[in-house]
């Protein structure tokens, strides 16, 4: 998966979830987008991440780990850690509104 040229995020993706994740910091927002990429690949909101998350985000393992903890503390995900390995993640989107498809996008 070195070449990301033809990769895309499969939706639906909840805009308010991404907004909340991005408000926790740039790195945390990047990790959030990567998690939705995994959800699209797996077809589920629960999945195990792997080293591909580093390729998708360009972040170090330590930064990814701290970003995952921020997302968990914000209630956006549940973490199921495994010592010496990447964790299993469960994305919580059921508590958020689904509204955003028709929302106007404000630029500038």
N, C-alpha and C. Protein backbone atom coordinates (compact mmCIF):
# COMPACT_ATOMS: atom_id res chain seq x y z
N UNK A 1 0.83 -1.18 0.00
CA UNK A 1 0.00 0.00 0.00
C UNK A 1 0.87 1.25 0.00
N UNK A 2 2.04 1.16 -0.56
CA UNK A 2 2.94 2.31 -0.62
C UNK A 2 2.34 3.42 -1.48
N UNK A 3 1.65 3.06 -2.57
CA UNK A 3 1.09 4.04 -3.48
C UNK A 3 -0.35 4.36 -3.08
N UNK A 4 -0.57 5.58 -2.65
CA UNK A 4 -1.90 6.00 -2.21
C UNK A 4 -2.67 6.74 -3.30
N UNK A 5 -2.12 6.76 -4.52
CA UNK A 5 -2.72 7.54 -5.59
C UNK A 5 -4.18 7.18 -5.87
N UNK A 6 -4.53 5.91 -5.80
CA UNK A 6 -5.89 5.48 -6.14
C UNK A 6 -6.70 5.05 -4.93
N UNK A 7 -6.32 5.43 -3.74
CA UNK A 7 -7.06 5.10 -2.52
C UNK A 7 -8.08 6.20 -2.24
N UNK A 8 -9.20 5.81 -1.67
CA UNK A 8 -10.22 6.77 -1.30
C UNK A 8 -10.93 6.29 -0.05
N UNK A 9 -11.64 7.20 0.59
CA UNK A 9 -12.40 6.87 1.80
C UNK A 9 -13.83 6.58 1.39
N UNK A 10 -14.31 5.39 1.72
CA UNK A 10 -15.67 4.98 1.39
C UNK A 10 -16.61 5.43 2.51
N UNK A 11 -17.69 6.07 2.15
CA UNK A 11 -18.63 6.56 3.14
C UNK A 11 -19.76 5.60 3.37
N UNK A 12 -20.73 6.00 4.14
CA UNK A 12 -20.89 7.36 4.67
C UNK A 12 -19.95 7.63 5.84
N UNK A 13 -19.54 8.88 5.91
CA UNK A 13 -18.69 9.36 6.99
C UNK A 13 -19.44 10.52 7.66
N UNK A 14 -19.51 10.49 8.97
CA UNK A 14 -20.27 11.52 9.68
C UNK A 14 -19.42 12.77 9.86
N UNK A 15 -19.88 13.87 9.28
CA UNK A 15 -19.15 15.14 9.30
C UNK A 15 -18.91 15.65 10.71
N UNK A 16 -19.91 15.49 11.59
CA UNK A 16 -19.72 15.99 12.95
C UNK A 16 -18.65 15.17 13.68
N UNK A 17 -18.52 13.89 13.38
CA UNK A 17 -17.47 13.05 13.97
C UNK A 17 -16.10 13.58 13.54
N UNK A 18 -15.95 13.84 12.23
CA UNK A 18 -14.68 14.35 11.73
C UNK A 18 -14.37 15.74 12.27
N UNK A 19 -15.39 16.57 12.41
CA UNK A 19 -15.19 17.92 12.96
C UNK A 19 -14.70 17.84 14.40
N UNK A 20 -15.32 16.95 15.19
CA UNK A 20 -14.91 16.80 16.58
C UNK A 20 -13.48 16.25 16.67
N UNK A 21 -13.17 15.26 15.82
CA UNK A 21 -11.81 14.68 15.81
C UNK A 21 -10.79 15.74 15.41
N UNK A 22 -11.10 16.52 14.39
CA UNK A 22 -10.18 17.56 13.92
C UNK A 22 -9.99 18.66 14.96
N UNK A 23 -11.01 18.90 15.77
CA UNK A 23 -10.88 19.94 16.80
C UNK A 23 -9.91 19.53 17.90
N UNK A 24 -9.56 18.24 17.95
CA UNK A 24 -8.63 17.74 18.96
C UNK A 24 -7.17 17.89 18.53
N UNK A 25 -6.95 18.37 17.32
CA UNK A 25 -5.60 18.58 16.82
C UNK A 25 -5.44 18.03 15.41
N UNK A 26 -4.48 18.56 14.70
CA UNK A 26 -4.25 18.16 13.31
C UNK A 26 -3.93 16.67 13.21
N UNK A 27 -3.02 16.20 14.03
CA UNK A 27 -2.64 14.78 14.00
C UNK A 27 -3.83 13.89 14.32
N UNK A 28 -4.62 14.29 15.29
CA UNK A 28 -5.79 13.51 15.68
C UNK A 28 -6.80 13.48 14.54
N UNK A 29 -6.96 14.59 13.85
CA UNK A 29 -7.85 14.62 12.69
C UNK A 29 -7.38 13.69 11.59
N UNK A 30 -6.06 13.68 11.33
CA UNK A 30 -5.51 12.77 10.32
C UNK A 30 -5.76 11.31 10.69
N UNK A 31 -5.57 10.98 11.95
CA UNK A 31 -5.81 9.62 12.41
C UNK A 31 -7.30 9.29 12.26
N UNK A 32 -8.16 10.25 12.54
CA UNK A 32 -9.60 10.05 12.37
C UNK A 32 -9.95 9.71 10.93
N UNK A 33 -9.39 10.44 9.98
CA UNK A 33 -9.63 10.14 8.57
C UNK A 33 -9.12 8.75 8.23
N UNK A 34 -7.96 8.38 8.75
CA UNK A 34 -7.41 7.04 8.50
C UNK A 34 -8.34 5.96 9.06
N UNK A 35 -8.93 6.21 10.22
CA UNK A 35 -9.85 5.22 10.80
C UNK A 35 -11.07 5.02 9.91
N UNK A 36 -11.58 6.10 9.32
CA UNK A 36 -12.71 5.95 8.41
C UNK A 36 -12.30 5.21 7.14
N UNK A 37 -11.04 5.36 6.72
CA UNK A 37 -10.53 4.59 5.59
C UNK A 37 -10.60 3.10 5.92
N UNK A 38 -10.12 2.74 7.12
CA UNK A 38 -10.19 1.34 7.57
C UNK A 38 -11.63 0.85 7.64
N UNK A 39 -12.52 1.68 8.16
CA UNK A 39 -13.93 1.28 8.27
C UNK A 39 -14.51 0.97 6.89
N UNK A 40 -14.13 1.76 5.90
CA UNK A 40 -14.60 1.51 4.54
C UNK A 40 -14.06 0.21 3.97
N UNK A 41 -12.79 -0.07 4.24
CA UNK A 41 -12.17 -1.31 3.75
C UNK A 41 -12.81 -2.52 4.42
N UNK A 42 -13.01 -2.44 5.72
CA UNK A 42 -13.52 -3.57 6.50
C UNK A 42 -15.04 -3.71 6.41
N UNK A 43 -15.73 -2.63 6.03
CA UNK A 43 -17.18 -2.67 5.99
C UNK A 43 -17.81 -2.75 7.37
N UNK A 44 -17.07 -2.25 8.36
CA UNK A 44 -17.52 -2.33 9.75
C UNK A 44 -16.92 -1.17 10.53
N UNK A 45 -17.58 -0.81 11.62
CA UNK A 45 -17.02 0.23 12.50
C UNK A 45 -16.08 -0.36 13.54
N UNK A 46 -15.87 -1.65 13.51
CA UNK A 46 -14.89 -2.28 14.40
C UNK A 46 -13.88 -3.04 13.55
N UNK A 47 -12.60 -2.76 13.79
CA UNK A 47 -11.53 -3.32 12.97
C UNK A 47 -10.21 -3.20 13.70
N UNK A 48 -9.23 -3.93 13.24
CA UNK A 48 -7.87 -3.85 13.78
C UNK A 48 -7.04 -3.02 12.82
N UNK A 49 -6.38 -2.00 13.35
CA UNK A 49 -5.49 -1.22 12.50
C UNK A 49 -4.13 -1.90 12.44
N UNK A 50 -3.33 -1.48 11.48
CA UNK A 50 -1.99 -2.04 11.33
C UNK A 50 -1.04 -0.92 10.91
N UNK A 51 0.12 -1.28 10.43
CA UNK A 51 1.13 -0.28 10.09
C UNK A 51 0.71 0.60 8.91
N UNK A 52 -0.33 0.23 8.18
CA UNK A 52 -0.82 1.06 7.08
C UNK A 52 -1.25 2.43 7.58
N UNK A 53 -1.67 2.53 8.83
CA UNK A 53 -2.08 3.82 9.39
C UNK A 53 -0.91 4.81 9.33
N UNK A 54 0.30 4.33 9.46
CA UNK A 54 1.48 5.22 9.35
C UNK A 54 1.64 5.72 7.92
N UNK A 55 1.38 4.85 6.94
CA UNK A 55 1.46 5.25 5.53
C UNK A 55 0.38 6.27 5.20
N UNK A 56 -0.82 6.04 5.71
CA UNK A 56 -1.93 6.94 5.42
C UNK A 56 -1.75 8.32 6.03
N UNK A 57 -1.18 8.38 7.22
CA UNK A 57 -1.08 9.66 7.94
C UNK A 57 0.28 10.32 7.87
N UNK A 58 1.33 9.53 7.70
CA UNK A 58 2.68 10.08 7.73
C UNK A 58 3.16 10.38 9.15
N UNK A 59 2.45 9.85 10.14
CA UNK A 59 2.77 10.12 11.55
C UNK A 59 3.56 8.97 12.16
N UNK A 60 4.24 9.26 13.26
CA UNK A 60 4.97 8.21 13.98
C UNK A 60 4.00 7.36 14.77
N UNK A 61 4.45 6.19 15.17
CA UNK A 61 3.62 5.30 15.98
C UNK A 61 3.22 5.96 17.30
N UNK A 62 4.14 6.72 17.88
CA UNK A 62 3.86 7.40 19.15
C UNK A 62 2.77 8.47 18.97
N UNK A 63 2.85 9.22 17.89
CA UNK A 63 1.84 10.25 17.63
C UNK A 63 0.48 9.62 17.36
N UNK A 64 0.48 8.53 16.62
CA UNK A 64 -0.76 7.80 16.35
C UNK A 64 -1.37 7.31 17.66
N UNK A 65 -0.54 6.76 18.51
CA UNK A 65 -1.01 6.25 19.80
C UNK A 65 -1.64 7.36 20.64
N UNK A 66 -0.98 8.51 20.72
CA UNK A 66 -1.54 9.60 21.52
C UNK A 66 -2.81 10.15 20.88
N UNK A 67 -2.88 10.16 19.56
CA UNK A 67 -4.09 10.61 18.87
C UNK A 67 -5.25 9.65 19.13
N UNK A 68 -4.97 8.36 19.12
CA UNK A 68 -6.01 7.38 19.41
C UNK A 68 -6.54 7.56 20.83
N UNK A 69 -5.64 7.86 21.77
CA UNK A 69 -6.07 8.10 23.16
C UNK A 69 -6.96 9.34 23.25
N UNK A 70 -6.62 10.39 22.48
CA UNK A 70 -7.45 11.60 22.47
C UNK A 70 -8.84 11.30 21.91
N UNK A 71 -8.89 10.52 20.83
CA UNK A 71 -10.18 10.15 20.25
C UNK A 71 -11.01 9.32 21.23
N UNK A 72 -10.35 8.42 21.95
CA UNK A 72 -11.05 7.60 22.94
C UNK A 72 -11.55 8.46 24.10
N UNK A 73 -10.72 9.38 24.58
CA UNK A 73 -11.12 10.26 25.68
C UNK A 73 -12.29 11.17 25.29
N UNK A 74 -12.38 11.49 23.99
CA UNK A 74 -13.48 12.32 23.50
C UNK A 74 -14.75 11.50 23.24
N UNK A 75 -14.66 10.19 23.41
CA UNK A 75 -15.82 9.33 23.21
C UNK A 75 -16.10 8.98 21.76
N UNK A 76 -15.15 9.27 20.86
CA UNK A 76 -15.37 9.00 19.44
C UNK A 76 -15.04 7.55 19.07
N UNK A 77 -14.16 6.91 19.84
CA UNK A 77 -13.79 5.52 19.57
C UNK A 77 -13.64 4.77 20.89
N UNK A 78 -13.64 3.46 20.78
CA UNK A 78 -13.20 2.60 21.87
C UNK A 78 -11.93 1.92 21.40
N UNK A 79 -10.97 1.81 22.29
CA UNK A 79 -9.69 1.16 21.99
C UNK A 79 -9.64 -0.19 22.69
N UNK A 80 -9.19 -1.19 21.98
CA UNK A 80 -8.95 -2.50 22.56
C UNK A 80 -7.49 -2.83 22.30
N UNK A 81 -6.60 -2.34 23.19
CA UNK A 81 -5.16 -2.49 22.96
C UNK A 81 -4.68 -3.93 23.11
N UNK A 82 -3.61 -4.21 22.42
CA UNK A 82 -2.91 -5.49 22.55
C UNK A 82 -1.44 -5.16 22.67
N UNK A 83 -0.83 -5.61 23.72
CA UNK A 83 0.56 -5.28 24.01
C UNK A 83 1.47 -5.63 22.83
N UNK A 84 2.26 -4.64 22.40
CA UNK A 84 3.22 -4.86 21.32
C UNK A 84 2.61 -4.89 19.93
N UNK A 85 1.35 -4.49 19.81
CA UNK A 85 0.67 -4.55 18.52
C UNK A 85 -0.26 -3.35 18.39
N UNK A 86 -0.72 -3.12 17.18
CA UNK A 86 -1.71 -2.07 16.98
C UNK A 86 -3.04 -2.55 17.56
N UNK A 87 -3.87 -1.61 18.03
CA UNK A 87 -5.12 -1.99 18.70
C UNK A 87 -6.27 -2.27 17.73
N UNK A 88 -7.31 -2.86 18.27
CA UNK A 88 -8.59 -2.94 17.58
C UNK A 88 -9.36 -1.68 17.97
N UNK A 89 -10.09 -1.14 17.02
CA UNK A 89 -10.80 0.13 17.20
C UNK A 89 -12.29 -0.10 16.97
N UNK A 90 -13.12 0.60 17.71
CA UNK A 90 -14.55 0.66 17.41
C UNK A 90 -14.92 2.13 17.31
N UNK A 91 -15.39 2.54 16.13
CA UNK A 91 -15.81 3.93 15.91
C UNK A 91 -17.23 4.11 16.43
N UNK A 92 -17.42 5.11 17.28
CA UNK A 92 -18.75 5.43 17.80
C UNK A 92 -19.33 6.56 16.96
N UNK A 93 -20.27 6.24 16.13
CA UNK A 93 -20.94 7.28 15.35
C UNK A 93 -22.43 7.32 15.62
N UNK A 94 -22.92 6.37 16.40
CA UNK A 94 -24.35 6.27 16.65
C UNK A 94 -24.90 7.40 17.51
N UNK A 95 -24.06 8.07 18.29
CA UNK A 95 -24.52 9.13 19.17
C UNK A 95 -24.50 10.49 18.49
N UNK A 96 -23.97 10.56 17.29
CA UNK A 96 -23.82 11.83 16.60
C UNK A 96 -24.94 12.03 15.59
N UNK A 97 -25.18 13.27 15.24
CA UNK A 97 -26.20 13.54 14.23
C UNK A 97 -25.67 13.14 12.87
N UNK A 98 -26.56 12.79 12.00
CA UNK A 98 -26.19 12.39 10.65
C UNK A 98 -26.27 13.57 9.68
N UNK A 99 -26.65 14.73 10.20
CA UNK A 99 -26.87 15.88 9.35
C UNK A 99 -25.55 16.47 8.87
N UNK A 100 -25.41 16.67 7.60
CA UNK A 100 -24.31 17.43 7.03
C UNK A 100 -24.34 17.34 5.53
N UNK A 101 -25.04 16.39 4.95
CA UNK A 101 -25.05 16.22 3.50
C UNK A 101 -25.57 17.46 2.79
N UNK A 102 -26.56 18.13 3.37
CA UNK A 102 -27.14 19.30 2.74
C UNK A 102 -26.66 20.61 3.36
N UNK A 103 -25.74 20.53 4.31
CA UNK A 103 -25.22 21.73 4.94
C UNK A 103 -24.34 22.50 3.96
N UNK A 104 -24.47 23.80 3.93
CA UNK A 104 -23.58 24.57 3.05
C UNK A 104 -22.16 24.54 3.58
N UNK A 105 -21.22 24.54 2.66
CA UNK A 105 -19.80 24.57 3.04
C UNK A 105 -19.36 26.02 3.01
N UNK A 106 -18.85 26.50 4.10
CA UNK A 106 -18.40 27.89 4.21
C UNK A 106 -16.90 27.93 3.95
N UNK A 107 -16.51 28.72 3.00
CA UNK A 107 -15.09 28.89 2.69
C UNK A 107 -14.68 30.29 3.11
N UNK A 108 -13.50 30.37 3.72
CA UNK A 108 -12.94 31.66 4.06
C UNK A 108 -13.52 32.31 5.20
